[in-house]
PDB file of all heavy atoms in Angstrom:
ATOM      1  N   ALA A   1      76.856  96.776 102.216  1.00  0.00           N
ATOM      2  CA  ALA A   1      76.498  98.195 102.140  1.00  0.00           C
ATOM      3  C   ALA A   1      77.103  98.856 100.906  1.00  0.00           C
ATOM      4  O   ALA A   1      76.426  99.597 100.182  1.00  0.00           O
ATOM      5  CB  ALA A   1      76.949  98.907 103.406  1.00  0.00           C
ATOM      6  N   LEU A   2      78.373  98.581 100.649  1.00  0.00           N
ATOM      7  CA  LEU A   2      79.027  99.186  99.489  1.00  0.00           C
ATOM      8  C   LEU A   2      78.433  98.682  98.175  1.00  0.00           C
ATOM      9  O   LEU A   2      78.205  99.471  97.249  1.00  0.00           O
ATOM     10  CB  LEU A   2      80.528  98.906  99.524  1.00  0.00           C
ATOM     11  CG  LEU A   2      81.323  99.676 100.576  1.00  0.00           C
ATOM     12  CD1 LEU A   2      82.771  99.222 100.575  1.00  0.00           C
ATOM     13  CD2 LEU A   2      81.219 101.165 100.343  1.00  0.00           C
ATOM     14  N   SER A   3      78.169  97.402  98.103  1.00  0.00           N
ATOM     15  CA  SER A   3      77.589  96.850  96.879  1.00  0.00           C
ATOM     16  C   SER A   3      76.176  97.372  96.644  1.00  0.00           C
ATOM     17  O   SER A   3      75.799  97.668  95.510  1.00  0.00           O
ATOM     18  CB  SER A   3      77.575  95.325  96.934  1.00  0.00           C
ATOM     19  OG  SER A   3      78.883  94.826  96.963  1.00  0.00           O
ATOM     20  N   GLY A   4      75.406  97.476  97.714  1.00  0.00           N
ATOM     21  CA  GLY A   4      74.070  98.029  97.585  1.00  0.00           C
ATOM     22  C   GLY A   4      74.100  99.475  97.126  1.00  0.00           C
ATOM     23  O   GLY A   4      73.320  99.888  96.262  1.00  0.00           O
ATOM     24  N   ALA A   5      75.023 100.246  97.677  1.00  0.00           N
ATOM     25  CA  ALA A   5      75.157 101.642  97.273  1.00  0.00           C
ATOM     26  C   ALA A   5      75.597 101.743  95.810  1.00  0.00           C
ATOM     27  O   ALA A   5      75.074 102.578  95.055  1.00  0.00           O
ATOM     28  CB  ALA A   5      76.152 102.355  98.179  1.00  0.00           C
ATOM     29  N   LEU A   6      76.528 100.901  95.410  1.00  0.00           N
ATOM     30  CA  LEU A   6      76.979 100.923  94.016  1.00  0.00           C
ATOM     31  C   LEU A   6      75.859 100.522  93.064  1.00  0.00           C
ATOM     32  O   LEU A   6      75.750 101.076  91.964  1.00  0.00           O
ATOM     33  CB  LEU A   6      78.185 100.008  93.828  1.00  0.00           C
ATOM     34  CG  LEU A   6      79.505 100.561  94.352  1.00  0.00           C
ATOM     35  CD1 LEU A   6      80.587  99.490  94.287  1.00  0.00           C
ATOM     36  CD2 LEU A   6      79.919 101.784  93.561  1.00  0.00           C
ATOM     37  N   TYR A   7      75.015  99.577  93.491  1.00  0.00           N
ATOM     38  CA  TYR A   7      73.889  99.192  92.637  1.00  0.00           C
ATOM     39  C   TYR A   7      72.927 100.369  92.461  1.00  0.00           C
ATOM     40  O   TYR A   7      72.473 100.634  91.348  1.00  0.00           O
ATOM     41  CB  TYR A   7      73.152  97.987  93.216  1.00  0.00           C
ATOM     42  CG  TYR A   7      71.857  97.717  92.506  1.00  0.00           C
ATOM     43  CD1 TYR A   7      71.852  97.209  91.214  1.00  0.00           C
ATOM     44  CD2 TYR A   7      70.635  98.002  93.102  1.00  0.00           C
ATOM     45  CE1 TYR A   7      70.663  96.976  90.543  1.00  0.00           C
ATOM     46  CE2 TYR A   7      69.456  97.773  92.441  1.00  0.00           C
ATOM     47  CZ  TYR A   7      69.473  97.258  91.156  1.00  0.00           C
ATOM     48  OH  TYR A   7      68.296  97.042  90.498  1.00  0.00           O
ATOM     49  N   PHE A   8      72.635 101.043  93.552  1.00  0.00           N
ATOM     50  CA  PHE A   8      71.691 102.167  93.454  1.00  0.00           C
ATOM     51  C   PHE A   8      72.277 103.328  92.653  1.00  0.00           C
ATOM     52  O   PHE A   8      71.548 104.067  92.003  1.00  0.00           O
ATOM     53  CB  PHE A   8      71.256 102.632  94.832  1.00  0.00           C
ATOM     54  CG  PHE A   8      70.284 101.695  95.480  1.00  0.00           C
ATOM     55  CD1 PHE A   8      70.575 101.095  96.691  1.00  0.00           C
ATOM     56  CD2 PHE A   8      69.080 101.378  94.876  1.00  0.00           C
ATOM     57  CE1 PHE A   8      69.687 100.218  97.287  1.00  0.00           C
ATOM     58  CE2 PHE A   8      68.178 100.505  95.456  1.00  0.00           C
ATOM     59  CZ  PHE A   8      68.489  99.930  96.670  1.00  0.00           C
ATOM     60  N   LEU A   9      73.594 103.496  92.707  1.00  0.00           N
ATOM     61  CA  LEU A   9      74.217 104.582  91.961  1.00  0.00           C
ATOM     62  C   LEU A   9      74.366 104.272  90.472  1.00  0.00           C
ATOM     63  O   LEU A   9      74.198 105.147  89.628  1.00  0.00           O
ATOM     64  CB  LEU A   9      75.586 104.921  92.554  1.00  0.00           C
ATOM     65  CG  LEU A   9      75.567 105.579  93.931  1.00  0.00           C
ATOM     66  CD1 LEU A   9      76.982 105.723  94.456  1.00  0.00           C
ATOM     67  CD2 LEU A   9      74.869 106.920  93.870  1.00  0.00           C
ATOM     68  N   THR A  10      74.710 103.014  90.152  1.00  0.00           N
ATOM     69  CA  THR A  10      74.992 102.665  88.759  1.00  0.00           C
ATOM     70  C   THR A  10      73.875 101.885  88.090  1.00  0.00           C
ATOM     71  O   THR A  10      73.716 101.967  86.874  1.00  0.00           O
ATOM     72  CB  THR A  10      76.291 101.834  88.657  1.00  0.00           C
ATOM     73  OG1 THR A  10      76.108 100.607  89.356  1.00  0.00           O
ATOM     74  CG2 THR A  10      77.463 102.600  89.225  1.00  0.00           C
ATOM     75  N   GLY A  11      73.141 101.089  88.846  1.00  0.00           N
ATOM     76  CA  GLY A  11      72.072 100.279  88.268  1.00  0.00           C
ATOM     77  C   GLY A  11      72.552  98.998  87.624  1.00  0.00           C
ATOM     78  O   GLY A  11      71.780  98.317  86.944  1.00  0.00           O
ATOM     79  N   GLU A  12      73.808  98.622  87.845  1.00  0.00           N
ATOM     80  CA  GLU A  12      74.349  97.389  87.249  1.00  0.00           C
ATOM     81  C   GLU A  12      73.957  96.179  88.093  1.00  0.00           C
ATOM     82  O   GLU A  12      74.038  96.191  89.317  1.00  0.00           O
ATOM     83  CB  GLU A  12      75.869  97.475  87.147  1.00  0.00           C
ATOM     84  CG  GLU A  12      76.331  98.494  86.141  1.00  0.00           C
ATOM     85  CD  GLU A  12      77.827  98.457  85.929  1.00  0.00           C
ATOM     86  OE1 GLU A  12      78.396  97.355  86.026  1.00  0.00           O
ATOM     87  OE2 GLU A  12      78.400  99.515  85.682  1.00  0.00           O
ATOM     88  N   LYS A  13      73.549  95.120  87.407  1.00  0.00           N
ATOM     89  CA  LYS A  13      73.054  93.916  88.083  1.00  0.00           C
ATOM     90  C   LYS A  13      74.163  93.118  88.756  1.00  0.00           C
ATOM     91  O   LYS A  13      73.899  92.339  89.667  1.00  0.00           O
ATOM     92  CB  LYS A  13      72.329  93.004  87.086  1.00  0.00           C
ATOM     93  CG  LYS A  13      71.089  93.623  86.508  1.00  0.00           C
ATOM     94  CD  LYS A  13      69.982  93.635  87.503  1.00  0.00           C
ATOM     95  CE  LYS A  13      68.716  94.137  86.855  1.00  0.00           C
ATOM     96  NZ  LYS A  13      67.635  94.254  87.788  1.00  0.00           N
ATOM     97  N   ARG A  14      75.409  93.314  88.350  1.00  0.00           N
ATOM     98  CA  ARG A  14      76.489  92.509  88.925  1.00  0.00           C
ATOM     99  C   ARG A  14      76.679  92.800  90.406  1.00  0.00           C
ATOM    100  O   ARG A  14      77.108  91.936  91.166  1.00  0.00           O
ATOM    101  CB  ARG A  14      77.791  92.705  88.166  1.00  0.00           C
ATOM    102  CG  ARG A  14      78.363  94.082  88.258  1.00  0.00           C
ATOM    103  CD  ARG A  14      79.640  94.196  87.468  1.00  0.00           C
ATOM    104  NE  ARG A  14      80.063  95.583  87.435  1.00  0.00           N
ATOM    105  CZ  ARG A  14      81.297  95.946  87.282  1.00  0.00           C
ATOM    106  NH1 ARG A  14      82.222  95.042  87.115  1.00  0.00           N
ATOM    107  NH2 ARG A  14      81.612  97.220  87.269  1.00  0.00           N
ATOM    108  N   TYR A  15      76.323  94.001  90.832  1.00  0.00           N
ATOM    109  CA  TYR A  15      76.431  94.320  92.252  1.00  0.00           C
ATOM    110  C   TYR A  15      75.380  93.568  93.062  1.00  0.00           C
ATOM    111  O   TYR A  15      75.645  93.138  94.186  1.00  0.00           O
ATOM    112  CB  TYR A  15      76.322  95.824  92.469  1.00  0.00           C
ATOM    113  CG  TYR A  15      77.457  96.590  91.841  1.00  0.00           C
ATOM    114  CD1 TYR A  15      77.221  97.522  90.837  1.00  0.00           C
ATOM    115  CD2 TYR A  15      78.769  96.367  92.224  1.00  0.00           C
ATOM    116  CE1 TYR A  15      78.261  98.217  90.247  1.00  0.00           C
ATOM    117  CE2 TYR A  15      79.817  97.059  91.638  1.00  0.00           C
ATOM    118  CZ  TYR A  15      79.555  97.976  90.652  1.00  0.00           C
ATOM    119  OH  TYR A  15      80.585  98.647  90.069  1.00  0.00           O
ATOM    120  N   LEU A  16      74.199  93.402  92.494  1.00  0.00           N
ATOM    121  CA  LEU A  16      73.176  92.601  93.175  1.00  0.00           C
ATOM    122  C   LEU A  16      73.585  91.136  93.254  1.00  0.00           C
ATOM    123  O   LEU A  16      73.322  90.459  94.248  1.00  0.00           O
ATOM    124  CB  LEU A  16      71.841  92.709  92.454  1.00  0.00           C
ATOM    125  CG  LEU A  16      71.025  93.977  92.696  1.00  0.00           C
ATOM    126  CD1 LEU A  16      69.713  93.903  91.935  1.00  0.00           C
ATOM    127  CD2 LEU A  16      70.780  94.192  94.161  1.00  0.00           C
ATOM    128  N   GLN A  17      74.237  90.638  92.208  1.00  0.00           N
ATOM    129  CA  GLN A  17      74.721  89.259  92.230  1.00  0.00           C
ATOM    130  C   GLN A  17      75.775  89.080  93.319  1.00  0.00           C
ATOM    131  O   GLN A  17      75.796  88.067  94.019  1.00  0.00           O
ATOM    132  CB  GLN A  17      75.292  88.879  90.869  1.00  0.00           C
ATOM    133  CG  GLN A  17      74.252  88.787  89.784  1.00  0.00           C
ATOM    134  CD  GLN A  17      74.859  88.608  88.406  1.00  0.00           C
ATOM    135  OE1 GLN A  17      76.068  88.718  88.229  1.00  0.00           O
ATOM    136  NE2 GLN A  17      74.014  88.341  87.420  1.00  0.00           N
ATOM    137  N   PHE A  18      76.634  90.078  93.485  1.00  0.00           N
ATOM    138  CA  PHE A  18      77.645  90.013  94.533  1.00  0.00           C
ATOM    139  C   PHE A  18      77.004  90.033  95.913  1.00  0.00           C
ATOM    140  O   PHE A  18      77.407  89.289  96.810  1.00  0.00           O
ATOM    141  CB  PHE A  18      78.639  91.171  94.388  1.00  0.00           C
ATOM    142  CG  PHE A  18      79.727  91.145  95.417  1.00  0.00           C
ATOM    143  CD1 PHE A  18      80.728  90.192  95.364  1.00  0.00           C
ATOM    144  CD2 PHE A  18      79.736  92.067  96.450  1.00  0.00           C
ATOM    145  CE1 PHE A  18      81.720  90.158  96.321  1.00  0.00           C
ATOM    146  CE2 PHE A  18      80.724  92.046  97.411  1.00  0.00           C
ATOM    147  CZ  PHE A  18      81.724  91.089  97.341  1.00  0.00           C
ATOM    148  N   VAL A  19      75.972  90.873  96.089  1.00  0.00           N
ATOM    149  CA  VAL A  19      75.251  90.921  97.363  1.00  0.00           C
ATOM    150  C   VAL A  19      74.645  89.560  97.667  1.00  0.00           C
ATOM    151  O   VAL A  19      74.729  89.067  98.795  1.00  0.00           O
ATOM    152  CB  VAL A  19      74.158  92.019  97.326  1.00  0.00           C
ATOM    153  CG1 VAL A  19      73.206  91.878  98.493  1.00  0.00           C
ATOM    154  CG2 VAL A  19      74.782  93.396  97.325  1.00  0.00           C
ATOM    155  N   TRP A  20      74.052  88.933  96.674  1.00  0.00           N
ATOM    156  CA  TRP A  20      73.436  87.620  96.863  1.00  0.00           C
ATOM    157  C   TRP A  20      74.483  86.583  97.264  1.00  0.00           C
ATOM    158  O   TRP A  20      74.256  85.769  98.161  1.00  0.00           O
ATOM    159  CB  TRP A  20      72.706  87.203  95.596  1.00  0.00           C
ATOM    160  CG  TRP A  20      72.028  85.886  95.704  1.00  0.00           C
ATOM    161  CD1 TRP A  20      72.305  84.772  94.986  1.00  0.00           C
ATOM    162  CD2 TRP A  20      70.965  85.529  96.590  1.00  0.00           C
ATOM    163  NE1 TRP A  20      71.484  83.747  95.366  1.00  0.00           N
ATOM    164  CE2 TRP A  20      70.656  84.183  96.354  1.00  0.00           C
ATOM    165  CE3 TRP A  20      70.257  86.212  97.558  1.00  0.00           C
ATOM    166  CZ2 TRP A  20      69.659  83.518  97.063  1.00  0.00           C
ATOM    167  CZ3 TRP A  20      69.272  85.538  98.260  1.00  0.00           C
ATOM    168  CH2 TRP A  20      68.978  84.215  98.007  1.00  0.00           C
ATOM    169  N   LYS A  21      75.643  86.611  96.623  1.00  0.00           N
ATOM    170  CA  LYS A  21      76.703  85.655  96.959  1.00  0.00           C
ATOM    171  C   LYS A  21      77.214  85.869  98.379  1.00  0.00           C
ATOM    172  O   LYS A  21      77.436  84.902  99.118  1.00  0.00           O
ATOM    173  CB  LYS A  21      77.862  85.786  95.974  1.00  0.00           C
ATOM    174  CG  LYS A  21      77.559  85.236  94.618  1.00  0.00           C
ATOM    175  CD  LYS A  21      78.738  85.421  93.679  1.00  0.00           C
ATOM    176  CE  LYS A  21      78.382  85.000  92.270  1.00  0.00           C
ATOM    177  NZ  LYS A  21      79.483  85.205  91.333  1.00  0.00           N
ATOM    178  N   VAL A  22      77.379  87.113  98.778  1.00  0.00           N
ATOM    179  CA  VAL A  22      77.849  87.401 100.137  1.00  0.00           C
ATOM    180  C   VAL A  22      76.810  86.960 101.161  1.00  0.00           C
ATOM    181  O   VAL A  22      77.153  86.397 102.202  1.00  0.00           O
ATOM    182  CB  VAL A  22      78.190  88.902 100.288  1.00  0.00           C
ATOM    183  CG1 VAL A  22      78.448  89.264 101.743  1.00  0.00           C
ATOM    184  CG2 VAL A  22      79.394  89.264  99.442  1.00  0.00           C
ATOM    185  N   LEU A  23      75.532  87.194 100.877  1.00  0.00           N
ATOM    186  CA  LEU A  23      74.481  86.760 101.794  1.00  0.00           C
ATOM    187  C   LEU A  23      74.447  85.242 101.936  1.00  0.00           C
ATOM    188  O   LEU A  23      74.307  84.719 103.046  1.00  0.00           O
ATOM    189  CB  LEU A  23      73.119  87.271 101.323  1.00  0.00           C
ATOM    190  CG  LEU A  23      72.799  88.721 101.633  1.00  0.00           C
ATOM    191  CD1 LEU A  23      71.483  89.120 100.989  1.00  0.00           C
ATOM    192  CD2 LEU A  23      72.749  88.954 103.123  1.00  0.00           C
ATOM    193  N   LYS A  24      74.576  84.528 100.813  1.00  0.00           N
ATOM    194  CA  LYS A  24      74.578  83.061 100.874  1.00  0.00           C
ATOM    195  C   LYS A  24      75.769  82.570 101.688  1.00  0.00           C
ATOM    196  O   LYS A  24      75.622  81.685 102.537  1.00  0.00           O
ATOM    197  CB  LYS A  24      74.624  82.460  99.472  1.00  0.00           C
ATOM    198  CG  LYS A  24      73.314  82.538  98.743  1.00  0.00           C
ATOM    199  CD  LYS A  24      73.270  81.655  97.513  1.00  0.00           C
ATOM    200  CE  LYS A  24      74.368  81.983  96.534  1.00  0.00           C
ATOM    201  NZ  LYS A  24      74.239  81.269  95.260  1.00  0.00           N
TER     202      LYS A  24
END
């Protein structure tokens, strides 16, 4: 949730990469 919110607020791709790693 926090990483998704940070991605939507900042638009940085590293947060999406972190979300993907946590999901895996």
